[in-house]
């Protein structure tokens, strides 16, 4: 199993809009691609003056599924997020393997 972890620090000025958009639109669109088995959205408890940070963890069966998702769907979904919240967030991605 592979976990595709997306860590996002979102500016406090857009947080109240961003959170429901992520939960009701963006994450469901990612899940509708069919490559992920489940997801968890966690708030990072470390305080930061500049923003509020979340870890979204998408689980897929194998690396091939993840690579196919990244090739076919990820660019458009990331662009939609970047266009909507330009200059109001910072994101980075990590891959984890369940052992």
PDB file of N, CA and C in Angstrom:
ATOM      1  N   UNK A   1       0.843  -1.176   0.000  1.00  0.00           N
ATOM      2  CA  UNK A   1       0.000   0.000   0.000  1.00  0.00           C
ATOM      3  C   UNK A   1       0.888   1.239   0.000  1.00  0.00           C
ATOM      4  N   UNK A   2       0.459   2.235  -0.738  1.00  0.00           N
ATOM      5  CA  UNK A   2       1.177   3.497  -0.861  1.00  0.00           C
ATOM      6  C   UNK A   2       0.281   4.616  -0.331  1.00  0.00           C
ATOM      7  N   UNK A   3       0.864   5.494   0.451  1.00  0.00           N
ATOM      8  CA  UNK A   3       0.149   6.683   0.914  1.00  0.00           C
ATOM      9  C   UNK A   3       0.745   7.891   0.205  1.00  0.00           C
ATOM     10  N   UNK A   4      -0.109   8.611  -0.491  1.00  0.00           N
ATOM     11  CA  UNK A   4       0.250   9.849  -1.168  1.00  0.00           C
ATOM     12  C   UNK A   4      -0.152  10.961  -0.212  1.00  0.00           C
ATOM     13  N   UNK A   5       0.826  11.552   0.450  1.00  0.00           N
ATOM     14  CA  UNK A   5       0.571  12.555   1.477  1.00  0.00           C
ATOM     15  C   UNK A   5       0.763  13.953   0.901  1.00  0.00           C
ATOM     16  N   UNK A   6      -0.271  14.769   1.002  1.00  0.00           N
ATOM     17  CA  UNK A   6      -0.199  16.160   0.562  1.00  0.00           C
ATOM     18  C   UNK A   6      -0.326  17.032   1.799  1.00  0.00           C
ATOM     19  N   UNK A   7       0.723  17.780   2.101  1.00  0.00           N
ATOM     20  CA  UNK A   7       0.708  18.692   3.236  1.00  0.00           C
ATOM     21  C   UNK A   7       0.485  20.099   2.697  1.00  0.00           C
ATOM     22  N   UNK A   8      -0.537  20.764   3.225  1.00  0.00           N
ATOM     23  CA  UNK A   8      -0.910  22.091   2.746  1.00  0.00           C
ATOM     24  C   UNK A   8      -1.000  23.043   3.925  1.00  0.00           C
ATOM     25  N   UNK A   9      -0.290  24.161   3.818  1.00  0.00           N
ATOM     26  CA  UNK A   9      -0.435  25.247   4.783  1.00  0.00           C
ATOM     27  C   UNK A   9      -1.210  26.352   4.082  1.00  0.00           C
ATOM     28  N   UNK A  10      -2.386  26.635   4.592  1.00  0.00           N
ATOM     29  CA  UNK A  10      -3.273  27.600   3.948  1.00  0.00           C
ATOM     30  C   UNK A  10      -3.341  28.876   4.788  1.00  0.00           C
ATOM     31  N   UNK A  11      -3.322  30.009   4.111  1.00  0.00           N
ATOM     32  CA  UNK A  11      -3.386  31.311   4.760  1.00  0.00           C
ATOM     33  C   UNK A  11      -4.685  31.441   5.564  1.00  0.00           C
ATOM     34  N   UNK A  12      -4.567  32.007   6.742  1.00  0.00           N
ATOM     35  CA  UNK A  12      -5.742  32.151   7.610  1.00  0.00           C
ATOM     36  C   UNK A  12      -6.849  32.974   6.965  1.00  0.00           C
ATOM     37  N   UNK A  13      -6.495  33.876   6.066  1.00  0.00           N
ATOM     38  CA  UNK A  13      -7.492  34.745   5.433  1.00  0.00           C
ATOM     39  C   UNK A  13      -8.455  33.985   4.518  1.00  0.00           C
ATOM     40  N   UNK A  14      -8.073  32.808   4.044  1.00  0.00           N
ATOM     41  CA  UNK A  14      -8.952  32.027   3.168  1.00  0.00           C
ATOM     42  C   UNK A  14      -9.334  30.678   3.775  1.00  0.00           C
ATOM     43  N   UNK A  15      -8.882  30.409   4.985  1.00  0.00           N
ATOM     44  CA  UNK A  15      -9.101  29.096   5.594  1.00  0.00           C
ATOM     45  C   UNK A  15     -10.578  28.713   5.666  1.00  0.00           C
ATOM     46  N   UNK A  16     -11.432  29.633   6.076  1.00  0.00           N
ATOM     47  CA  UNK A  16     -12.858  29.322   6.250  1.00  0.00           C
ATOM     48  C   UNK A  16     -13.526  28.950   4.932  1.00  0.00           C
ATOM     49  N   UNK A  17     -13.024  29.442   3.822  1.00  0.00           N
ATOM     50  CA  UNK A  17     -13.534  29.057   2.503  1.00  0.00           C
ATOM     51  C   UNK A  17     -12.848  27.783   2.003  1.00  0.00           C
ATOM     52  N   UNK A  18     -11.538  27.705   2.230  1.00  0.00           N
ATOM     53  CA  UNK A  18     -10.730  26.611   1.707  1.00  0.00           C
ATOM     54  C   UNK A  18     -11.137  25.253   2.282  1.00  0.00           C
ATOM     55  N   UNK A  19     -11.350  25.165   3.578  1.00  0.00           N
ATOM     56  CA  UNK A  19     -11.623  23.881   4.218  1.00  0.00           C
ATOM     57  C   UNK A  19     -12.874  23.199   3.652  1.00  0.00           C
ATOM     58  N   UNK A  20     -14.026  23.868   3.575  1.00  0.00           N
ATOM     59  CA  UNK A  20     -15.183  23.185   2.978  1.00  0.00           C
ATOM     60  C   UNK A  20     -14.989  22.888   1.487  1.00  0.00           C
ATOM     61  N   UNK A  21     -14.246  23.749   0.774  1.00  0.00           N
ATOM     62  CA  UNK A  21     -13.968  23.469  -0.636  1.00  0.00           C
ATOM     63  C   UNK A  21     -13.155  22.184  -0.776  1.00  0.00           C
ATOM     64  N   UNK A  22     -12.155  22.024   0.079  1.00  0.00           N
ATOM     65  CA  UNK A  22     -11.361  20.799   0.045  1.00  0.00           C
ATOM     66  C   UNK A  22     -12.226  19.581   0.363  1.00  0.00           C
ATOM     67  N   UNK A  23     -13.018  19.666   1.426  1.00  0.00           N
ATOM     68  CA  UNK A  23     -13.796  18.517   1.880  1.00  0.00           C
ATOM     69  C   UNK A  23     -14.951  18.167   0.943  1.00  0.00           C
ATOM     70  N   UNK A  24     -15.553  19.167   0.321  1.00  0.00           N
ATOM     71  CA  UNK A  24     -16.757  18.932  -0.475  1.00  0.00           C
ATOM     72  C   UNK A  24     -16.526  18.888  -1.982  1.00  0.00           C
ATOM     73  N   UNK A  25     -15.412  19.443  -2.442  1.00  0.00           N
ATOM     74  CA  UNK A  25     -15.165  19.493  -3.883  1.00  0.00           C
ATOM     75  C   UNK A  25     -13.854  18.808  -4.260  1.00  0.00           C
ATOM     76  N   UNK A  26     -12.737  19.321  -3.766  1.00  0.00           N
ATOM     77  CA  UNK A  26     -11.440  18.841  -4.227  1.00  0.00           C
ATOM     78  C   UNK A  26     -11.184  17.369  -3.864  1.00  0.00           C
ATOM     79  N   UNK A  27     -11.302  17.023  -2.612  1.00  0.00           N
ATOM     80  CA  UNK A  27     -11.037  15.636  -2.208  1.00  0.00           C
ATOM     81  C   UNK A  27     -12.001  14.660  -2.891  1.00  0.00           C
ATOM     82  N   UNK A  28     -13.310  14.963  -2.969  1.00  0.00           N
ATOM     83  CA  UNK A  28     -14.187  14.053  -3.717  1.00  0.00           C
ATOM     84  C   UNK A  28     -13.773  13.898  -5.187  1.00  0.00           C
ATOM     85  N   UNK A  29     -13.276  14.972  -5.809  1.00  0.00           N
ATOM     86  CA  UNK A  29     -12.802  14.856  -7.194  1.00  0.00           C
ATOM     87  C   UNK A  29     -11.584  13.930  -7.283  1.00  0.00           C
ATOM     88  N   UNK A  30     -10.679  14.035  -6.325  1.00  0.00           N
ATOM     89  CA  UNK A  30      -9.519  13.140  -6.303  1.00  0.00           C
ATOM     90  C   UNK A  30      -9.996  11.693  -6.127  1.00  0.00           C
ATOM     91  N   UNK A  31     -10.896  11.468  -5.209  1.00  0.00           N
ATOM     92  CA  UNK A  31     -11.378  10.112  -4.952  1.00  0.00           C
ATOM     93  C   UNK A  31     -12.160   9.544  -6.145  1.00  0.00           C
ATOM     94  N   UNK A  32     -12.857  10.396  -6.878  1.00  0.00           N
ATOM     95  CA  UNK A  32     -13.639   9.935  -8.036  1.00  0.00           C
ATOM     96  C   UNK A  32     -12.764   9.447  -9.185  1.00  0.00           C
ATOM     97  N   UNK A  33     -11.470   9.723  -9.141  1.00  0.00           N
ATOM     98  CA  UNK A  33     -10.586   9.208 -10.189  1.00  0.00           C
ATOM     99  C   UNK A  33     -10.487   7.689 -10.116  1.00  0.00           C
ATOM    100  N   UNK A  34     -10.793   7.108  -8.956  1.00  0.00           N
ATOM    101  CA  UNK A  34     -10.793   5.663  -8.798  1.00  0.00           C
ATOM    102  C   UNK A  34      -9.445   5.046  -8.442  1.00  0.00           C
ATOM    103  N   UNK A  35      -8.417   5.858  -8.258  1.00  0.00           N
ATOM    104  CA  UNK A  35      -7.093   5.325  -7.961  1.00  0.00           C
ATOM    105  C   UNK A  35      -6.828   5.142  -6.465  1.00  0.00           C
ATOM    106  N   UNK A  36      -7.638   5.748  -5.628  1.00  0.00           N
ATOM    107  CA  UNK A  36      -7.389   5.701  -4.192  1.00  0.00           C
ATOM    108  C   UNK A  36      -8.479   4.907  -3.483  1.00  0.00           C
ATOM    109  N   UNK A  37      -8.054   4.184  -2.452  1.00  0.00           N
ATOM    110  CA  UNK A  37      -8.962   3.336  -1.693  1.00  0.00           C
ATOM    111  C   UNK A  37      -9.653   4.091  -0.567  1.00  0.00           C
ATOM    112  N   UNK A  38      -8.927   5.033   0.024  1.00  0.00           N
ATOM    113  CA  UNK A  38      -9.453   5.830   1.134  1.00  0.00           C
ATOM    114  C   UNK A  38      -8.586   7.055   1.315  1.00  0.00           C
ATOM    115  N   UNK A  39      -9.033   7.945   2.176  1.00  0.00           N
ATOM    116  CA  UNK A  39      -8.238   9.122   2.514  1.00  0.00           C
ATOM    117  C   UNK A  39      -8.495   9.519   3.960  1.00  0.00           C
ATOM    118  N   UNK A  40      -7.573  10.277   4.489  1.00  0.00           N
ATOM    119  CA  UNK A  40      -7.731  10.913   5.802  1.00  0.00           C
ATOM    120  C   UNK A  40      -7.275  12.347   5.651  1.00  0.00           C
ATOM    121  N   UNK A  41      -7.985  13.248   6.281  1.00  0.00           N
ATOM    122  CA  UNK A  41      -7.563  14.643   6.321  1.00  0.00           C
ATOM    123  C   UNK A  41      -7.306  14.981   7.783  1.00  0.00           C
ATOM    124  N   UNK A  42      -6.078  15.395   8.072  1.00  0.00           N
ATOM    125  CA  UNK A  42      -5.677  15.670   9.449  1.00  0.00           C
ATOM    126  C   UNK A  42      -5.175  17.107   9.559  1.00  0.00           C
ATOM    127  N   UNK A  43      -5.543  17.760  10.632  1.00  0.00           N
ATOM    128  CA  UNK A  43      -4.997  19.086  10.903  1.00  0.00           C
ATOM    129  C   UNK A  43      -3.700  18.908  11.686  1.00  0.00           C
ATOM    130  N   UNK A  44      -2.663  19.591  11.247  1.00  0.00           N
ATOM    131  CA  UNK A  44      -1.386  19.571  11.954  1.00  0.00           C
ATOM    132  C   UNK A  44      -1.533  20.482  13.165  1.00  0.00           C
ATOM    133  N   UNK A  45      -1.212  19.973  14.347  1.00  0.00           N
ATOM    134  CA  UNK A  45      -1.475  20.713  15.582  1.00  0.00           C
ATOM    135  C   UNK A  45      -0.421  21.758  15.920  1.00  0.00           C
ATOM    136  N   UNK A  46       0.693  21.756  15.240  1.00  0.00           N
ATOM    137  CA  UNK A  46       1.715  22.772  15.475  1.00  0.00           C
ATOM    138  C   UNK A  46       1.188  24.127  15.025  1.00  0.00           C
ATOM    139  N   UNK A  47       1.278  25.096  15.889  1.00  0.00           N
ATOM    140  CA  UNK A  47       0.796  26.442  15.572  1.00  0.00           C
ATOM    141  C   UNK A  47       1.768  27.165  14.651  1.00  0.00           C
ATOM    142  N   UNK A  48       1.217  27.942  13.732  1.00  0.00           N
ATOM    143  CA  UNK A  48       2.002  28.734  12.794  1.00  0.00           C
ATOM    144  C   UNK A  48       1.274  30.049  12.577  1.00  0.00           C
ATOM    145  N   UNK A  49       1.968  31.160  12.721  1.00  0.00           N
ATOM    146  CA  UNK A  49       1.337  32.467  12.568  1.00  0.00           C
ATOM    147  C   UNK A  49       0.856  32.739  11.150  1.00  0.00           C
ATOM    148  N   UNK A  50       1.497  32.127  10.169  1.00  0.00           N
ATOM    149  CA  UNK A  50       1.182  32.451   8.781  1.00  0.00           C
ATOM    150  C   UNK A  50       0.029  31.629   8.205  1.00  0.00           C
ATOM    151  N   UNK A  51      -0.267  30.472   8.777  1.00  0.00           N
ATOM    152  CA  UNK A  51      -1.321  29.660   8.198  1.00  0.00           C
ATOM    153  C   UNK A  51      -1.699  28.474   9.058  1.00  0.00           C
ATOM    154  N   UNK A  52      -2.666  27.729   8.553  1.00  0.00           N
ATOM    155  CA  UNK A  52      -3.148  26.517   9.208  1.00  0.00           C
ATOM    156  C   UNK A  52      -2.772  25.361   8.293  1.00  0.00           C
ATOM    157  N   UNK A  53      -2.189  24.316   8.868  1.00  0.00           N
ATOM    158  CA  UNK A  53      -1.618  23.244   8.066  1.00  0.00           C
ATOM    159  C   UNK A  53      -2.410  21.952   8.208  1.00  0.00           C
ATOM    160  N   UNK A  54      -2.573  21.279   7.070  1.00  0.00           N
ATOM    161  CA  UNK A  54      -3.281  20.006   7.000  1.00  0.00           C
ATOM    162  C   UNK A  54      -2.432  18.985   6.267  1.00  0.00           C
ATOM    163  N   UNK A  55      -2.642  17.726   6.622  1.00  0.00           N
ATOM    164  CA  UNK A  55      -2.068  16.600   5.903  1.00  0.00           C
ATOM    165  C   UNK A  55      -3.233  15.792   5.350  1.00  0.00           C
ATOM    166  N   UNK A  56      -3.269  15.649   4.016  1.00  0.00           N
ATOM    167  CA  UNK A  56      -4.288  14.827   3.381  1.00  0.00           C
ATOM    168  C   UNK A  56      -3.578  13.582   2.879  1.00  0.00           C
ATOM    169  N   UNK A  57      -4.014  12.434   3.368  1.00  0.00           N
ATOM    170  CA  UNK A  57      -3.342  11.164   3.065  1.00  0.00           C
ATOM    171  C   UNK A  57      -4.275  10.290   2.237  1.00  0.00           C
ATOM    172  N   UNK A  58      -3.886  10.088   0.980  1.00  0.00           N
ATOM    173  CA  UNK A  58      -4.644   9.249   0.055  1.00  0.00           C
ATOM    174  C   UNK A  58      -3.945   7.891  -0.041  1.00  0.00           C
ATOM    175  N   UNK A  59      -4.673   6.813   0.163  1.00  0.00           N
ATOM    176  CA  UNK A  59      -4.097   5.464   0.113  1.00  0.00           C
ATOM    177  C   UNK A  59      -4.454   4.794  -1.207  1.00  0.00           C
ATOM    178  N   UNK A  60      -3.429   4.252  -1.868  1.00  0.00           N
ATOM    179  CA  UNK A  60      -3.670   3.480  -3.090  1.00  0.00           C
ATOM    180  C   UNK A  60      -2.994   2.116  -2.964  1.00  0.00           C
ATOM    181  N   UNK A  61      -3.406   1.194  -3.805  1.00  0.00           N
ATOM    182  CA  UNK A  61      -2.957  -0.193  -3.686  1.00  0.00           C
ATOM    183  C   UNK A  61      -1.488  -0.370  -4.031  1.00  0.00           C
ATOM    184  N   UNK A  62      -0.998   0.396  -5.005  1.00  0.00           N
ATOM    185  CA  UNK A  62       0.376   0.178  -5.457  1.00  0.00           C
ATOM    186  C   UNK A  62       0.921   1.418  -6.160  1.00  0.00           C
ATOM    187  N   UNK A  63       2.214   1.390  -6.444  1.00  0.00           N
ATOM    188  CA  UNK A  63       2.886   2.520  -7.054  1.00  0.00           C
ATOM    189  C   UNK A  63       2.392   2.772  -8.478  1.00  0.00           C
ATOM    190  N   UNK A  64       2.041   1.715  -9.192  1.00  0.00           N
ATOM    191  CA  UNK A  64       1.538   1.877 -10.553  1.00  0.00           C
ATOM    192  C   UNK A  64       0.264   2.720 -10.577  1.00  0.00           C
ATOM    193  N   UNK A  65      -0.653   2.458  -9.640  1.00  0.00           N
ATOM    194  CA  UNK A  65      -1.885   3.251  -9.557  1.00  0.00           C
ATOM    195  C   UNK A  65      -1.565   4.716  -9.283  1.00  0.00           C
ATOM    196  N   UNK A  66      -0.641   4.957  -8.384  1.00  0.00           N
ATOM    197  CA  UNK A  66      -0.274   6.334  -8.066  1.00  0.00           C
ATOM    198  C   UNK A  66       0.324   7.033  -9.278  1.00  0.00           C
ATOM    199  N   UNK A  67       1.222   6.368  -9.969  1.00  0.00           N
ATOM    200  CA  UNK A  67       1.859   6.973 -11.137  1.00  0.00           C
ATOM    201  C   UNK A  67       0.846   7.258 -12.244  1.00  0.00           C
ATOM    202  N   UNK A  68      -0.106   6.376 -12.409  1.00  0.00           N
ATOM    203  CA  UNK A  68      -1.146   6.610 -13.407  1.00  0.00           C
ATOM    204  C   UNK A  68      -2.011   7.808 -13.012  1.00  0.00           C
ATOM    205  N   UNK A  69      -2.364   7.898 -11.734  1.00  0.00           N
ATOM    206  CA  UNK A  69      -3.108   9.066 -11.244  1.00  0.00           C
ATOM    207  C   UNK A  69      -2.318  10.349 -11.505  1.00  0.00           C
ATOM    208  N   UNK A  70      -1.035  10.331 -11.168  1.00  0.00           N
ATOM    209  CA  UNK A  70      -0.207  11.522 -11.339  1.00  0.00           C
ATOM    210  C   UNK A  70      -0.110  11.932 -12.806  1.00  0.00           C
ATOM    211  N   UNK A  71      -0.101  10.982 -13.678  1.00  0.00           N
ATOM    212  CA  UNK A  71       0.008  11.273 -15.108  1.00  0.00           C
ATOM    213  C   UNK A  71      -1.316  11.784 -15.686  1.00  0.00           C
ATOM    214  N   UNK A  72      -2.418  11.136 -15.320  1.00  0.00           N
ATOM    215  CA  UNK A  72      -3.709  11.423 -15.949  1.00  0.00           C
ATOM    216  C   UNK A  72      -4.537  12.509 -15.263  1.00  0.00           C
ATOM    217  N   UNK A  73      -4.418  12.647 -13.944  1.00  0.00           N
ATOM    218  CA  UNK A  73      -5.352  13.508 -13.214  1.00  0.00           C
ATOM    219  C   UNK A  73      -4.712  14.605 -12.373  1.00  0.00           C
ATOM    220  N   UNK A  74      -3.564  14.313 -11.808  1.00  0.00           N
ATOM    221  CA  UNK A  74      -2.952  15.231 -10.855  1.00  0.00           C
ATOM    222  C   UNK A  74      -2.707  16.644 -11.405  1.00  0.00           C
ATOM    223  N   UNK A  75      -2.175  16.797 -12.612  1.00  0.00           N
ATOM    224  CA  UNK A  75      -1.901  18.161 -13.093  1.00  0.00           C
ATOM    225  C   UNK A  75      -3.142  19.066 -13.104  1.00  0.00           C
ATOM    226  N   UNK A  76      -4.253  18.568 -13.595  1.00  0.00           N
ATOM    227  CA  UNK A  76      -5.472  19.381 -13.661  1.00  0.00           C
ATOM    228  C   UNK A  76      -6.023  19.690 -12.275  1.00  0.00           C
ATOM    229  N   UNK A  77      -5.995  18.704 -11.386  1.00  0.00           N
ATOM    230  CA  UNK A  77      -6.512  18.917 -10.033  1.00  0.00           C
ATOM    231  C   UNK A  77      -5.626  19.892  -9.256  1.00  0.00           C
ATOM    232  N   UNK A  78      -4.323  19.772  -9.404  1.00  0.00           N
ATOM    233  CA  UNK A  78      -3.417  20.716  -8.740  1.00  0.00           C
ATOM    234  C   UNK A  78      -3.585  22.120  -9.304  1.00  0.00           C
ATOM    235  N   UNK A  79      -3.803  22.227 -10.608  1.00  0.00           N
ATOM    236  CA  UNK A  79      -3.994  23.539 -11.235  1.00  0.00           C
ATOM    237  C   UNK A  79      -5.264  24.205 -10.717  1.00  0.00           C
ATOM    238  N   UNK A  80      -6.333  23.432 -10.588  1.00  0.00           N
ATOM    239  CA  UNK A  80      -7.594  23.986 -10.071  1.00  0.00           C
ATOM    240  C   UNK A  80      -7.396  24.560  -8.672  1.00  0.00           C
ATOM    241  N   UNK A  81      -6.653  23.842  -7.838  1.00  0.00           N
ATOM    242  CA  UNK A  81      -6.366  24.315  -6.482  1.00  0.00           C
ATOM    243  C   UNK A  81      -5.506  25.572  -6.529  1.00  0.00           C
ATOM    244  N   UNK A  82      -4.461  25.541  -7.344  1.00  0.00           N
ATOM    245  CA  UNK A  82      -3.549  26.682  -7.440  1.00  0.00           C
ATOM    246  C   UNK A  82      -4.249  27.918  -8.005  1.00  0.00           C
ATOM    247  N   UNK A  83      -5.110  27.731  -8.994  1.00  0.00           N
ATOM    248  CA  UNK A  83      -5.835  28.864  -9.569  1.00  0.00           C
ATOM    249  C   UNK A  83      -6.799  29.495  -8.565  1.00  0.00           C
ATOM    250  N   UNK A  84      -7.457  28.659  -7.788  1.00  0.00           N
ATOM    251  CA  UNK A  84      -8.456  29.161  -6.834  1.00  0.00           C
ATOM    252  C   UNK A  84      -7.811  29.851  -5.633  1.00  0.00           C
ATOM    253  N   UNK A  85      -6.659  29.351  -5.180  1.00  0.00           N
ATOM    254  CA  UNK A  85      -6.043  29.877  -3.956  1.00  0.00           C
ATOM    255  C   UNK A  85      -4.619  30.386  -4.202  1.00  0.00           C
ATOM    256  N   UNK A  86      -4.404  30.982  -5.340  1.00  0.00           N
ATOM    257  CA  UNK A  86      -3.088  31.494  -5.734  1.00  0.00           C
ATOM    258  C   UNK A  86      -2.492  32.372  -4.640  1.00  0.00           C
ATOM    259  N   UNK A  87      -1.260  32.103  -4.303  1.00  0.00           N
ATOM    260  CA  UNK A  87      -0.501  32.862  -3.303  1.00  0.00           C
ATOM    261  C   UNK A  87      -1.086  32.794  -1.895  1.00  0.00           C
ATOM    262  N   UNK A  88      -2.005  31.871  -1.648  1.00  0.00           N
ATOM    263  CA  UNK A  88      -2.631  31.747  -0.330  1.00  0.00           C
ATOM    264  C   UNK A  88      -2.348  30.398   0.323  1.00  0.00           C
ATOM    265  N   UNK A  89      -1.446  29.610  -0.269  1.00  0.00           N
ATOM    266  CA  UNK A  89      -1.117  28.308   0.300  1.00  0.00           C
ATOM    267  C   UNK A  89       0.277  27.891  -0.137  1.00  0.00           C
ATOM    268  N   UNK A  90       0.816  26.950   0.613  1.00  0.00           N
ATOM    269  CA  UNK A  90       2.058  26.270   0.256  1.00  0.00           C
ATOM    270  C   UNK A  90       1.782  24.783   0.427  1.00  0.00           C
ATOM    271  N   UNK A  91       2.206  23.974  -0.560  1.00  0.00           N
ATOM    272  CA  UNK A  91       1.955  22.537  -0.488  1.00  0.00           C
ATOM    273  C   UNK A  91       3.211  21.764  -0.851  1.00  0.00           C
ATOM    274  N   UNK A  92       3.355  20.613  -0.228  1.00  0.00           N
ATOM    275  CA  UNK A  92       4.385  19.675  -0.651  1.00  0.00           C
ATOM    276  C   UNK A  92       3.845  18.259  -0.510  1.00  0.00           C
ATOM    277  N   UNK A  93       4.419  17.372  -1.305  1.00  0.00           N
ATOM    278  CA  UNK A  93       3.929  16.013  -1.375  1.00  0.00           C
ATOM    279  C   UNK A  93       5.020  15.023  -0.985  1.00  0.00           C
ATOM    280  N   UNK A  94       4.623  13.974  -0.279  1.00  0.00           N
ATOM    281  CA  UNK A  94       5.542  12.894   0.067  1.00  0.00           C
ATOM    282  C   UNK A  94       4.840  11.568  -0.204  1.00  0.00           C
ATOM    283  N   UNK A  95       5.649  10.562  -0.493  1.00  0.00           N
ATOM    284  CA  UNK A  95       5.142   9.206  -0.682  1.00  0.00           C
ATOM    285  C   UNK A  95       5.570   8.341   0.487  1.00  0.00           C
ATOM    286  N   UNK A  96       4.653   7.555   0.991  1.00  0.00           N
ATOM    287  CA  UNK A  96       4.921   6.658   2.099  1.00  0.00           C
ATOM    288  C   UNK A  96       4.508   5.254   1.693  1.00  0.00           C
ATOM    289  N   UNK A  97       5.256   4.276   2.158  1.00  0.00           N
ATOM    290  CA  UNK A  97       4.906   2.885   1.922  1.00  0.00           C
ATOM    291  C   UNK A  97       4.506   2.252   3.249  1.00  0.00           C
ATOM    292  N   UNK A  98       3.344   1.635   3.283  1.00  0.00           N
ATOM    293  CA  UNK A  98       2.903   0.942   4.490  1.00  0.00           C
ATOM    294  C   UNK A  98       3.718  -0.348   4.603  1.00  0.00           C
ATOM    295  N   UNK A  99       4.338  -0.550   5.763  1.00  0.00           N
ATOM    296  CA  UNK A  99       5.173  -1.747   5.981  1.00  0.00           C
ATOM    297  C   UNK A  99       4.598  -2.615   7.080  1.00  0.00           C
TER     298      UNK A  99
END
